[in-house]
Amino acid sequence: MEHEPDFKKILFLTDGSAPSLSAQELTIQLAKKLGSEVTVFHVVTHELMRPKMQDFLVQGRAIPESADIEPGTAVRSEVIWTGEGPSSAGAHYGERVEDELTSVYRQQGEEVVADAALAFKEEGLRVEKKVVEHKNIVEAVMEEAEEEDYDVIIMGRSGRKEKEARLGGVAEKVSRHSEIPVLIAGEKRAVSKLLVPVDGSESSDKAVNYAASLAKRLGAKLTLLHVQESRLFSHRPELSQAIGKGILSNAAEKLKGMTFDQKLESGDPARKITEIAEKEDYDMIVMGSKGHGAIERFLLGSVINHVLHYTKHPVLVIK
């Protein structure tokens, strides 16, 4: 097997939402077993940090004296469009409101981070706290990941604004743009069964490598899965099975000395992976970010994107 992946430094993203609290519990379990150091990371952001909202406040508008009246008080708007560029009153008002809102959000973020850090410390884990201000959450995460030598990013499926337990926009974008592995947490908070879809690509080989390291260190069972495309299987079943068995055999070579299972299935890869993970109750799916072939089936936006959106189980995306 190749050099074992390391999990020494974890970047844990939190916003205090229910999904991030589930991710926190999973992170605690992994960090304890892997001996990891955790950085609890929160991004302070809001609408007024964005240029378009700033333009709305100050670009050619006269801010009325009633602007500071308590919310809920009925007033007659005196805001008019002048068309003459930003006014000094508008610029001053916009900056003041942005600063006040940022201060409120920062205080809330620091409380969230402090609570999370305390939970890690109570488990005897090494933890660092970071709260940053940025107009774009994903950019802030990418900058932090680039500046520090993290081994994996862990986050919940969605943030406090999401009403359903589905994949949020931030989680999807971090999974897409990160240059290091990303673990999107789900309902599972302990890991004893790993499902590893393989397709013979370099990316899926890396996923096998990571999964093997996790399985050994967590004492988890590991299953290799290859899903044959339905059309090839229906036209040339013998050839399809031979290819599938060869892909599984090559992946198994990386697991010498380990006990593991193998599954050869046919159908739509995305749906089959999700279906098997749910039916057989796997605790985590470990997948490469790019697949084999000209269309790279495992690129985010196809198979892995479907899995991320439709499974409730944690998914570790290997880069």
C-alpha atoms as a PDB file:
ATOM      1  CA  MET A   1       0.000   0.000   0.000  1.00  0.00           C
ATOM      2  CA  GLU A   2       1.115   3.549  -0.678  1.00  0.00           C
ATOM      3  CA  HIS A   3       2.233   5.917   2.037  1.00  0.00           C
ATOM      4  CA  GLU A   4      -0.521   6.027   4.654  1.00  0.00           C
ATOM      5  CA  PRO A   5      -2.584   9.225   4.642  1.00  0.00           C
ATOM      6  CA  ASP A   6      -2.313  11.297   7.780  1.00  0.00           C
ATOM      7  CA  PHE A   7      -5.106  12.855   9.795  1.00  0.00           C
ATOM      8  CA  LYS A   8      -3.022  14.955  12.162  1.00  0.00           C
ATOM      9  CA  LYS A   9      -4.766  18.276  11.494  1.00  0.00           C
ATOM     10  CA  ILE A  10      -8.511  18.660  11.074  1.00  0.00           C
ATOM     11  CA  LEU A  11     -10.211  21.875   9.985  1.00  0.00           C
ATOM     12  CA  PHE A  12     -13.710  21.735  11.476  1.00  0.00           C
ATOM     13  CA  LEU A  13     -16.258  24.247  10.159  1.00  0.00           C
ATOM     14  CA  THR A  14     -19.075  25.253  12.467  1.00  0.00           C
ATOM     15  CA  ASP A  15     -21.955  27.712  12.557  1.00  0.00           C
ATOM     16  CA  GLY A  16     -23.816  26.289  15.539  1.00  0.00           C
ATOM     17  CA  SER A  17     -26.536  24.680  13.410  1.00  0.00           C
ATOM     18  CA  ALA A  18     -27.879  21.162  14.004  1.00  0.00           C
ATOM     19  CA  PRO A  19     -25.915  19.709  11.029  1.00  0.00           C
ATOM     20  CA  SER A  20     -22.667  21.258  12.289  1.00  0.00           C
ATOM     21  CA  LEU A  21     -23.313  19.849  15.770  1.00  0.00           C
ATOM     22  CA  SER A  22     -23.674  16.386  14.222  1.00  0.00           C
ATOM     23  CA  ALA A  23     -20.416  17.023  12.343  1.00  0.00           C
ATOM     24  CA  GLN A  24     -18.846  18.086  15.629  1.00  0.00           C
ATOM     25  CA  GLU A  25     -19.698  14.769  17.289  1.00  0.00           C
ATOM     26  CA  LEU A  26     -18.286  12.842  14.330  1.00  0.00           C
ATOM     27  CA  THR A  27     -15.142  15.003  14.407  1.00  0.00           C
ATOM     28  CA  ILE A  28     -14.678  14.293  18.116  1.00  0.00           C
ATOM     29  CA  GLN A  29     -14.958  10.542  17.550  1.00  0.00           C
ATOM     30  CA  LEU A  30     -12.472  10.603  14.664  1.00  0.00           C
ATOM     31  CA  ALA A  31     -10.006  12.946  16.377  1.00  0.00           C
ATOM     32  CA  LYS A  32      -9.919  10.761  19.511  1.00  0.00           C
ATOM     33  CA  LYS A  33      -9.160   7.614  17.541  1.00  0.00           C
ATOM     34  CA  LEU A  34      -6.790   9.240  15.043  1.00  0.00           C
ATOM     35  CA  GLY A  35      -4.913  11.453  17.516  1.00  0.00           C
ATOM     36  CA  SER A  36      -5.787  14.589  15.577  1.00  0.00           C
ATOM     37  CA  GLU A  37      -5.462  18.256  16.411  1.00  0.00           C
ATOM     38  CA  VAL A  38      -8.615  20.222  15.589  1.00  0.00           C
ATOM     39  CA  THR A  39      -9.075  23.818  14.501  1.00  0.00           C
ATOM     40  CA  VAL A  40     -12.630  25.050  15.118  1.00  0.00           C
ATOM     41  CA  PHE A  41     -13.308  27.544  12.332  1.00  0.00           C
ATOM     42  CA  HIS A  42     -16.146  30.023  11.880  1.00  0.00           C
ATOM     43  CA  VAL A  43     -16.673  32.662   9.209  1.00  0.00           C
ATOM     44  CA  VAL A  44     -18.419  35.910  10.144  1.00  0.00           C
ATOM     45  CA  THR A  45     -20.370  37.059   7.107  1.00  0.00           C
ATOM     46  CA  HIS A  46     -23.591  38.845   6.226  1.00  0.00           C
ATOM     47  CA  GLU A  47     -25.338  40.518   3.312  1.00  0.00           C
ATOM     48  CA  LEU A  48     -23.935  44.011   3.929  1.00  0.00           C
ATOM     49  CA  MET A  49     -20.380  42.756   3.348  1.00  0.00           C
ATOM     50  CA  ARG A  50     -21.264  42.229  -0.296  1.00  0.00           C
ATOM     51  CA  PRO A  51     -20.561  45.044  -2.772  1.00  0.00           C
ATOM     52  CA  LYS A  52     -24.082  45.034  -4.244  1.00  0.00           C
ATOM     53  CA  MET A  53     -25.637  45.648  -0.850  1.00  0.00           C
ATOM     54  CA  GLN A  54     -23.130  48.437  -0.192  1.00  0.00           C
ATOM     55  CA  ASP A  55     -24.087  49.987  -3.517  1.00  0.00           C
ATOM     56  CA  PHE A  56     -27.735  49.818  -2.557  1.00  0.00           C
ATOM     57  CA  LEU A  57     -27.011  51.703   0.660  1.00  0.00           C
ATOM     58  CA  VAL A  58     -24.754  54.426  -0.648  1.00  0.00           C
ATOM     59  CA  GLN A  59     -24.844  54.637  -4.442  1.00  0.00           C
ATOM     60  CA  GLY A  60     -26.699  57.829  -5.195  1.00  0.00           C
ATOM     61  CA  ARG A  61     -29.075  57.587  -2.260  1.00  0.00           C
ATOM     62  CA  ALA A  62     -29.794  60.125   0.477  1.00  0.00           C
ATOM     63  CA  ILE A  63     -30.120  58.388   3.856  1.00  0.00           C
ATOM     64  CA  PRO A  64     -33.069  59.829   5.832  1.00  0.00           C
ATOM     65  CA  GLU A  65     -32.871  60.913   9.442  1.00  0.00           C
ATOM     66  CA  SER A  66     -35.395  58.156  10.246  1.00  0.00           C
ATOM     67  CA  ALA A  67     -32.800  55.491   9.336  1.00  0.00           C
ATOM     68  CA  ASP A  68     -31.931  54.836  12.981  1.00  0.00           C
ATOM     69  CA  ILE A  69     -35.519  54.430  14.172  1.00  0.00           C
ATOM     70  CA  GLU A  70     -36.194  51.157  15.967  1.00  0.00           C
ATOM     71  CA  PRO A  71     -37.371  48.234  13.766  1.00  0.00           C
ATOM     72  CA  GLY A  72     -41.141  47.931  13.629  1.00  0.00           C
ATOM     73  CA  THR A  73     -41.742  51.700  13.769  1.00  0.00           C
ATOM     74  CA  ALA A  74     -43.813  52.936  10.849  1.00  0.00           C
ATOM     75  CA  VAL A  75     -42.124  55.798   9.018  1.00  0.00           C
ATOM     76  CA  ARG A  76     -42.559  57.520   5.667  1.00  0.00           C
ATOM     77  CA  SER A  77     -39.566  56.769   3.440  1.00  0.00           C
ATOM     78  CA  GLU A  78     -37.657  59.802   2.229  1.00  0.00           C
ATOM     79  CA  VAL A  79     -34.985  57.790   0.385  1.00  0.00           C
ATOM     80  CA  ILE A  80     -34.757  58.979  -3.201  1.00  0.00           C
ATOM     81  CA  TRP A  81     -32.577  58.171  -6.169  1.00  0.00           C
ATOM     82  CA  THR A  82     -30.328  61.078  -7.082  1.00  0.00           C
ATOM     83  CA  GLY A  83     -28.331  59.483  -9.873  1.00  0.00           C
ATOM     84  CA  GLU A  84     -25.281  61.535  -8.901  1.00  0.00           C
ATOM     85  CA  GLY A  85     -23.076  58.845  -7.364  1.00  0.00           C
ATOM     86  CA  PRO A  86     -22.523  57.954  -3.709  1.00  0.00           C
ATOM     87  CA  SER A  87     -23.290  60.504  -1.044  1.00  0.00           C
ATOM     88  CA  SER A  88     -21.088  61.035   2.001  1.00  0.00           C
ATOM     89  CA  ALA A  89     -24.123  60.509   4.247  1.00  0.00           C
ATOM     90  CA  GLY A  90     -24.908  57.229   2.522  1.00  0.00           C
ATOM     91  CA  ALA A  91     -21.321  56.018   2.708  1.00  0.00           C
ATOM     92  CA  HIS A  92     -21.074  56.883   6.403  1.00  0.00           C
ATOM     93  CA  TYR A  93     -24.398  55.245   7.204  1.00  0.00           C
ATOM     94  CA  GLY A  94     -23.530  52.109   5.234  1.00  0.00           C
ATOM     95  CA  GLU A  95     -20.178  51.703   6.967  1.00  0.00           C
ATOM     96  CA  ARG A  96     -21.714  52.212  10.391  1.00  0.00           C
ATOM     97  CA  VAL A  97     -24.502  49.714   9.845  1.00  0.00           C
ATOM     98  CA  GLU A  98     -22.057  47.161   8.410  1.00  0.00           C
ATOM     99  CA  ASP A  99     -19.725  47.554  11.412  1.00  0.00           C
ATOM    100  CA  GLU A 100     -22.593  47.183  13.872  1.00  0.00           C
ATOM    101  CA  LEU A 101     -23.933  44.085  12.156  1.00  0.00           C
ATOM    102  CA  THR A 102     -20.461  42.557  11.865  1.00  0.00           C
ATOM    103  CA  SER A 103     -19.928  43.113  15.582  1.00  0.00           C
ATOM    104  CA  VAL A 104     -23.157  41.290  16.430  1.00  0.00           C
ATOM    105  CA  TYR A 105     -22.373  38.391  14.094  1.00  0.00           C
ATOM    106  CA  ARG A 106     -18.816  38.149  15.382  1.00  0.00           C
ATOM    107  CA  GLN A 107     -19.961  37.909  18.980  1.00  0.00           C
ATOM    108  CA  GLN A 108     -22.372  35.132  18.026  1.00  0.00           C
ATOM    109  CA  GLY A 109     -19.628  33.347  16.072  1.00  0.00           C
ATOM    110  CA  GLU A 110     -17.167  33.556  18.944  1.00  0.00           C
ATOM    111  CA  GLU A 111     -19.754  32.037  21.260  1.00  0.00           C
ATOM    112  CA  VAL A 112     -20.369  29.187  18.829  1.00  0.00           C
ATOM    113  CA  VAL A 113     -16.642  28.523  18.468  1.00  0.00           C
ATOM    114  CA  ALA A 114     -16.063  28.715  22.239  1.00  0.00           C
ATOM    115  CA  ASP A 115     -18.824  26.156  22.869  1.00  0.00           C
ATOM    116  CA  ALA A 116     -17.423  23.808  20.234  1.00  0.00           C
ATOM    117  CA  ALA A 117     -13.844  24.167  21.498  1.00  0.00           C
ATOM    118  CA  LEU A 118     -15.004  23.360  25.030  1.00  0.00           C
ATOM    119  CA  ALA A 119     -16.607  20.135  23.793  1.00  0.00           C
ATOM    120  CA  PHE A 120     -13.294  19.090  22.209  1.00  0.00           C
ATOM    121  CA  LYS A 121     -11.282  20.033  25.287  1.00  0.00           C
ATOM    122  CA  GLU A 122     -13.590  18.014  27.522  1.00  0.00           C
ATOM    123  CA  GLU A 123     -12.675  14.977  25.422  1.00  0.00           C
ATOM    124  CA  GLY A 124      -8.964  15.657  25.981  1.00  0.00           C
ATOM    125  CA  LEU A 125      -8.356  16.835  22.424  1.00  0.00           C
ATOM    126  CA  ARG A 126      -5.983  19.554  21.252  1.00  0.00           C
ATOM    127  CA  VAL A 127      -8.012  22.395  19.804  1.00  0.00           C
ATOM    128  CA  GLU A 128      -7.472  25.852  18.325  1.00  0.00           C
ATOM    129  CA  LYS A 129     -10.157  28.492  17.761  1.00  0.00           C
ATOM    130  CA  LYS A 130     -10.389  30.736  14.703  1.00  0.00           C
ATOM    131  CA  VAL A 131     -13.030  33.319  13.834  1.00  0.00           C
ATOM    132  CA  VAL A 132     -12.523  35.300  10.618  1.00  0.00           C
ATOM    133  CA  GLU A 133     -14.528  37.966   8.801  1.00  0.00           C
ATOM    134  CA  HIS A 134     -15.072  37.430   5.095  1.00  0.00           C
ATOM    135  CA  LYS A 135     -17.734  38.282   2.535  1.00  0.00           C
ATOM    136  CA  ASN A 136     -17.552  34.756   1.096  1.00  0.00           C
ATOM    137  CA  ILE A 137     -17.524  31.664   3.332  1.00  0.00           C
ATOM    138  CA  VAL A 138     -16.066  29.326   0.715  1.00  0.00           C
ATOM    139  CA  GLU A 139     -13.214  31.699  -0.128  1.00  0.00           C
ATOM    140  CA  ALA A 140     -12.429  32.052   3.580  1.00  0.00           C
ATOM    141  CA  VAL A 141     -12.262  28.275   3.995  1.00  0.00           C
ATOM    142  CA  MET A 142     -10.069  27.871   0.915  1.00  0.00           C
ATOM    143  CA  GLU A 143      -7.685  30.572   2.143  1.00  0.00           C
ATOM    144  CA  GLU A 144      -7.415  28.948   5.563  1.00  0.00           C
ATOM    145  CA  ALA A 145      -6.841  25.511   4.053  1.00  0.00           C
ATOM    146  CA  GLU A 146      -4.156  26.923   1.742  1.00  0.00           C
ATOM    147  CA  GLU A 147      -2.303  28.793   4.473  1.00  0.00           C
ATOM    148  CA  GLU A 148      -2.286  25.920   6.986  1.00  0.00           C
ATOM    149  CA  ASP A 149      -1.258  22.322   6.465  1.00  0.00           C
ATOM    150  CA  TYR A 150      -4.588  20.615   7.173  1.00  0.00           C
ATOM    151  CA  ASP A 151      -5.219  16.993   6.283  1.00  0.00           C
ATOM    152  CA  VAL A 152      -9.006  17.115   6.013  1.00  0.00           C
ATOM    153  CA  ILE A 153     -11.929  19.540   6.235  1.00  0.00           C
ATOM    154  CA  ILE A 154     -15.004  18.375   8.162  1.00  0.00           C
ATOM    155  CA  MET A 155     -18.354  20.138   7.983  1.00  0.00           C
ATOM    156  CA  GLY A 156     -22.100  19.560   8.218  1.00  0.00           C
ATOM    157  CA  ARG A 157     -24.351  19.007   5.236  1.00  0.00           C
ATOM    158  CA  SER A 158     -25.992  22.406   5.522  1.00  0.00           C
ATOM    159  CA  GLY A 159     -26.010  25.552   7.634  1.00  0.00           C
ATOM    160  CA  ARG A 160     -28.460  27.259   9.927  1.00  0.00           C
ATOM    161  CA  LYS A 161     -30.424  28.696   7.002  1.00  0.00           C
ATOM    162  CA  GLU A 162     -31.268  25.268   5.583  1.00  0.00           C
ATOM    163  CA  LYS A 163     -34.646  23.894   6.688  1.00  0.00           C
ATOM    164  CA  GLU A 164     -34.074  20.381   5.336  1.00  0.00           C
ATOM    165  CA  ALA A 165     -31.278  17.890   5.896  1.00  0.00           C
ATOM    166  CA  ARG A 166     -29.954  18.299   2.354  1.00  0.00           C
ATOM    167  CA  LEU A 167     -26.610  19.307   0.950  1.00  0.00           C
ATOM    168  CA  GLY A 168     -26.163  23.062   1.356  1.00  0.00           C
ATOM    169  CA  GLY A 169     -24.490  25.330  -1.167  1.00  0.00           C
ATOM    170  CA  VAL A 170     -21.434  25.961   1.002  1.00  0.00           C
ATOM    171  CA  ALA A 171     -20.823  22.237   1.570  1.00  0.00           C
ATOM    172  CA  GLU A 172     -21.111  21.541  -2.147  1.00  0.00           C
ATOM    173  CA  LYS A 173     -18.740  24.351  -3.118  1.00  0.00           C
ATOM    174  CA  VAL A 174     -16.147  23.427  -0.489  1.00  0.00           C
ATOM    175  CA  SER A 175     -16.273  19.815  -1.724  1.00  0.00           C
ATOM    176  CA  ARG A 176     -15.835  21.031  -5.281  1.00  0.00           C
ATOM    177  CA  HIS A 177     -13.010  23.527  -4.788  1.00  0.00           C
ATOM    178  CA  SER A 178     -10.955  22.125  -1.910  1.00  0.00           C
ATOM    179  CA  GLU A 179      -7.546  20.695  -2.743  1.00  0.00           C
ATOM    180  CA  ILE A 180      -7.575  18.460   0.347  1.00  0.00           C
ATOM    181  CA  PRO A 181     -10.084  15.760   1.367  1.00  0.00           C
ATOM    182  CA  VAL A 182     -13.474  16.974   2.581  1.00  0.00           C
ATOM    183  CA  LEU A 183     -15.724  15.002   4.910  1.00  0.00           C
ATOM    184  CA  ILE A 184     -19.389  15.976   4.704  1.00  0.00           C
ATOM    185  CA  ALA A 185     -20.951  14.654   7.896  1.00  0.00           C
ATOM    186  CA  GLY A 186     -24.403  13.098   8.080  1.00  0.00           C
ATOM    187  CA  GLU A 187     -26.578  11.291  10.574  1.00  0.00           C
ATOM    188  CA  LYS A 188     -23.870   8.799  11.551  1.00  0.00           C
ATOM    189  CA  ARG A 189     -21.584   9.833  14.390  1.00  0.00           C
ATOM    190  CA  ALA A 190     -19.477   6.684  14.799  1.00  0.00           C
ATOM    191  CA  VAL A 191     -17.627   4.808  12.065  1.00  0.00           C
ATOM    192  CA  SER A 192     -17.458   1.011  11.926  1.00  0.00           C
ATOM    193  CA  LYS A 193     -18.414   0.275   8.285  1.00  0.00           C
ATOM    194  CA  LEU A 194     -16.829   1.931   5.229  1.00  0.00           C
ATOM    195  CA  LEU A 195     -18.145   1.719   1.667  1.00  0.00           C
ATOM    196  CA  VAL A 196     -15.558   2.466  -1.039  1.00  0.00           C
ATOM    197  CA  PRO A 197     -16.818   2.783  -4.641  1.00  0.00           C
ATOM    198  CA  VAL A 198     -14.025   2.053  -7.142  1.00  0.00           C
ATOM    199  CA  ASP A 199     -13.759   2.401 -10.914  1.00  0.00           C
ATOM    200  CA  GLY A 200     -10.077   1.731 -11.607  1.00  0.00           C
ATOM    201  CA  SER A 201      -9.101   5.400 -11.790  1.00  0.00           C
ATOM    202  CA  GLU A 202      -6.204   7.027  -9.968  1.00  0.00           C
ATOM    203  CA  SER A 203      -8.696   8.969  -7.890  1.00  0.00           C
ATOM    204  CA  SER A 204     -10.513   5.861  -6.697  1.00  0.00           C
ATOM    205  CA  ASP A 205      -7.136   4.258  -5.915  1.00  0.00           C
ATOM    206  CA  LYS A 206      -6.457   7.191  -3.580  1.00  0.00           C
ATOM    207  CA  ALA A 207      -9.853   6.656  -1.985  1.00  0.00           C
ATOM    208  CA  VAL A 208      -8.959   3.008  -1.316  1.00  0.00           C
ATOM    209  CA  ASN A 209      -5.698   4.142   0.273  1.00  0.00           C
ATOM    210  CA  TYR A 210      -7.484   6.565   2.590  1.00  0.00           C
ATOM    211  CA  ALA A 211     -10.210   4.070   3.428  1.00  0.00           C
ATOM    212  CA  ALA A 212      -7.648   1.395   4.274  1.00  0.00           C
ATOM    213  CA  SER A 213      -5.852   3.735   6.655  1.00  0.00           C
ATOM    214  CA  LEU A 214      -9.123   4.723   8.322  1.00  0.00           C
ATOM    215  CA  ALA A 215     -10.328   1.129   8.582  1.00  0.00           C
ATOM    216  CA  LYS A 216      -7.135   0.013  10.316  1.00  0.00           C
ATOM    217  CA  ARG A 217      -7.032   2.916  12.751  1.00  0.00           C
ATOM    218  CA  LEU A 218     -10.755   2.899  13.511  1.00  0.00           C
ATOM    219  CA  GLY A 219     -11.170  -0.857  13.594  1.00  0.00           C
ATOM    220  CA  ALA A 220     -13.802  -0.540  10.860  1.00  0.00           C
ATOM    221  CA  LYS A 221     -14.976  -3.039   8.246  1.00  0.00           C
ATOM    222  CA  LEU A 222     -14.330  -2.094   4.635  1.00  0.00           C
ATOM    223  CA  THR A 223     -16.276  -2.968   1.489  1.00  0.00           C
ATOM    224  CA  LEU A 224     -15.096  -2.336  -2.056  1.00  0.00           C
ATOM    225  CA  LEU A 225     -17.913  -1.647  -4.527  1.00  0.00           C
ATOM    226  CA  HIS A 226     -17.838  -1.495  -8.300  1.00  0.00           C
ATOM    227  CA  VAL A 227     -20.992  -0.632 -10.238  1.00  0.00           C
ATOM    228  CA  GLN A 228     -21.090  -1.735 -13.863  1.00  0.00           C
ATOM    229  CA  GLU A 229     -22.829   0.557 -16.297  1.00  0.00           C
ATOM    230  CA  SER A 230     -26.270  -0.832 -17.200  1.00  0.00           C
ATOM    231  CA  ARG A 231     -25.862  -0.491 -20.980  1.00  0.00           C
ATOM    232  CA  LEU A 232     -22.550  -2.340 -21.144  1.00  0.00           C
ATOM    233  CA  PHE A 233     -23.858  -5.041 -18.816  1.00  0.00           C
ATOM    234  CA  SER A 234     -27.028  -5.573 -20.885  1.00  0.00           C
ATOM    235  CA  HIS A 235     -25.148  -5.817 -24.204  1.00  0.00           C
ATOM    236  CA  ARG A 236     -21.997  -7.654 -23.097  1.00  0.00           C
ATOM    237  CA  PRO A 237     -22.572  -9.106 -19.602  1.00  0.00           C
ATOM    238  CA  GLU A 238     -19.533 -11.389 -19.673  1.00  0.00           C
ATOM    239  CA  LEU A 239     -17.190  -8.605 -20.735  1.00  0.00           C
ATOM    240  CA  SER A 240     -18.724  -6.229 -18.205  1.00  0.00           C
ATOM    241  CA  GLN A 241     -18.303  -8.728 -15.372  1.00  0.00           C
ATOM    242  CA  ALA A 242     -14.713  -9.452 -16.386  1.00  0.00           C
ATOM    243  CA  ILE A 243     -13.873  -5.738 -16.322  1.00  0.00           C
ATOM    244  CA  GLY A 244     -15.644  -5.280 -12.997  1.00  0.00           C
ATOM    245  CA  LYS A 245     -13.852  -8.196 -11.393  1.00  0.00           C
ATOM    246  CA  GLY A 246     -10.545  -6.863 -12.685  1.00  0.00           C
ATOM    247  CA  ILE A 247     -11.191  -3.426 -11.176  1.00  0.00           C
ATOM    248  CA  LEU A 248     -12.093  -4.966  -7.817  1.00  0.00           C
ATOM    249  CA  SER A 249      -9.036  -7.238  -7.966  1.00  0.00           C
ATOM    250  CA  ASN A 250      -6.703  -4.299  -8.598  1.00  0.00           C
ATOM    251  CA  ALA A 251      -8.225  -2.375  -5.703  1.00  0.00           C
ATOM    252  CA  ALA A 252      -7.929  -5.437  -3.463  1.00  0.00           C
ATOM    253  CA  GLU A 253      -4.173  -5.530  -4.131  1.00  0.00           C
ATOM    254  CA  LYS A 254      -3.886  -2.353  -2.080  1.00  0.00           C
ATOM    255  CA  LEU A 255      -5.515  -4.054   0.907  1.00  0.00           C
ATOM    256  CA  LYS A 256      -3.128  -6.960   1.433  1.00  0.00           C
ATOM    257  CA  GLY A 257      -3.186  -8.186   5.001  1.00  0.00           C
ATOM    258  CA  MET A 258      -6.631  -6.692   5.601  1.00  0.00           C
ATOM    259  CA  THR A 259     -10.037  -8.316   5.856  1.00  0.00           C
ATOM    260  CA  PHE A 260     -12.594  -6.744   3.522  1.00  0.00           C
ATOM    261  CA  ASP A 261     -15.637  -7.481   1.365  1.00  0.00           C
ATOM    262  CA  GLN A 262     -16.187  -6.949  -2.346  1.00  0.00           C
ATOM    263  CA  LYS A 263     -19.385  -6.174  -4.223  1.00  0.00           C
ATOM    264  CA  LEU A 264     -19.981  -6.203  -7.980  1.00  0.00           C
ATOM    265  CA  GLU A 265     -23.261  -4.567  -8.983  1.00  0.00           C
ATOM    266  CA  SER A 266     -24.837  -3.224 -12.171  1.00  0.00           C
ATOM    267  CA  GLY A 267     -27.031  -0.187 -12.733  1.00  0.00           C
ATOM    268  CA  ASP A 268     -26.719   3.556 -12.461  1.00  0.00           C
ATOM    269  CA  PRO A 269     -23.554   4.112 -10.360  1.00  0.00           C
ATOM    270  CA  ALA A 270     -24.831   7.156  -8.461  1.00  0.00           C
ATOM    271  CA  ARG A 271     -28.155   5.617  -7.501  1.00  0.00           C
ATOM    272  CA  LYS A 272     -26.650   2.226  -6.726  1.00  0.00           C
ATOM    273  CA  ILE A 273     -24.009   3.631  -4.378  1.00  0.00           C
ATOM    274  CA  THR A 274     -26.632   5.657  -2.508  1.00  0.00           C
ATOM    275  CA  GLU A 275     -29.031   2.714  -2.386  1.00  0.00           C
ATOM    276  CA  ILE A 276     -26.444   0.259  -1.023  1.00  0.00           C
ATOM    277  CA  ALA A 277     -25.153   2.737   1.558  1.00  0.00           C
ATOM    278  CA  GLU A 278     -28.705   3.189   2.830  1.00  0.00           C
ATOM    279  CA  LYS A 279     -29.853  -0.429   2.622  1.00  0.00           C
ATOM    280  CA  GLU A 280     -26.779  -1.897   4.301  1.00  0.00           C
ATOM    281  CA  ASP A 281     -26.371   1.016   6.721  1.00  0.00           C
ATOM    282  CA  TYR A 282     -22.763   2.011   6.057  1.00  0.00           C
ATOM    283  CA  ASP A 283     -21.306   4.638   8.370  1.00  0.00           C
ATOM    284  CA  MET A 284     -19.229   6.431   5.738  1.00  0.00           C
ATOM    285  CA  ILE A 285     -18.746   6.476   1.973  1.00  0.00           C
ATOM    286  CA  VAL A 286     -15.180   7.143   0.813  1.00  0.00           C
ATOM    287  CA  MET A 287     -14.961   8.313  -2.814  1.00  0.00           C
ATOM    288  CA  GLY A 288     -12.423   9.803  -5.175  1.00  0.00           C
ATOM    289  CA  SER A 289     -13.298  13.179  -6.668  1.00  0.00           C
ATOM    290  CA  LYS A 290     -12.576  12.163 -10.266  1.00  0.00           C
ATOM    291  CA  GLY A 291     -13.434   8.970 -12.092  1.00  0.00           C
ATOM    292  CA  HIS A 292     -12.125   6.903 -14.940  1.00  0.00           C
ATOM    293  CA  GLY A 293     -12.838   7.715 -18.559  1.00  0.00           C
ATOM    294  CA  ALA A 294     -13.207  10.720 -20.838  1.00  0.00           C
ATOM    295  CA  ILE A 295     -16.274  12.086 -19.064  1.00  0.00           C
ATOM    296  CA  GLU A 296     -14.754  11.451 -15.613  1.00  0.00           C
ATOM    297  CA  ARG A 297     -17.888  10.019 -14.025  1.00  0.00           C
ATOM    298  CA  PHE A 298     -16.776  10.797 -10.506  1.00  0.00           C
ATOM    299  CA  LEU A 299     -16.312  14.515 -11.037  1.00  0.00           C
ATOM    300  CA  LEU A 300     -18.441  16.616  -8.734  1.00  0.00           C
ATOM    301  CA  GLY A 301     -21.573  17.338 -10.702  1.00  0.00           C
ATOM    302  CA  SER A 302     -22.184  13.708 -11.687  1.00  0.00           C
ATOM    303  CA  VAL A 303     -21.896  10.558  -9.578  1.00  0.00           C
ATOM    304  CA  ILE A 304     -20.330  11.979  -6.451  1.00  0.00           C
ATOM    305  CA  ASN A 305     -22.539  15.054  -6.612  1.00  0.00           C
ATOM    306  CA  HIS A 306     -25.610  12.813  -6.652  1.00  0.00           C
ATOM    307  CA  VAL A 307     -24.289  10.802  -3.716  1.00  0.00           C
ATOM    308  CA  LEU A 308     -23.558  13.946  -1.715  1.00  0.00           C
ATOM    309  CA  HIS A 309     -27.065  15.253  -2.331  1.00  0.00           C
ATOM    310  CA  TYR A 310     -29.054  12.087  -1.768  1.00  0.00           C
ATOM    311  CA  THR A 311     -27.360  10.191   1.030  1.00  0.00           C
ATOM    312  CA  LYS A 312     -27.726  11.009   4.699  1.00  0.00           C
ATOM    313  CA  HIS A 313     -24.484   9.198   5.474  1.00  0.00           C
ATOM    314  CA  PRO A 314     -21.103  10.921   5.849  1.00  0.00           C
ATOM    315  CA  VAL A 315     -19.142  11.159   2.598  1.00  0.00           C
ATOM    316  CA  LEU A 316     -15.358  11.581   2.520  1.00  0.00           C
ATOM    317  CA  VAL A 317     -14.307  13.155  -0.792  1.00  0.00           C
ATOM    318  CA  ILE A 318     -10.706  12.318  -1.639  1.00  0.00           C
ATOM    319  CA  LYS A 319      -8.749  14.726  -3.861  1.00  0.00           C
END
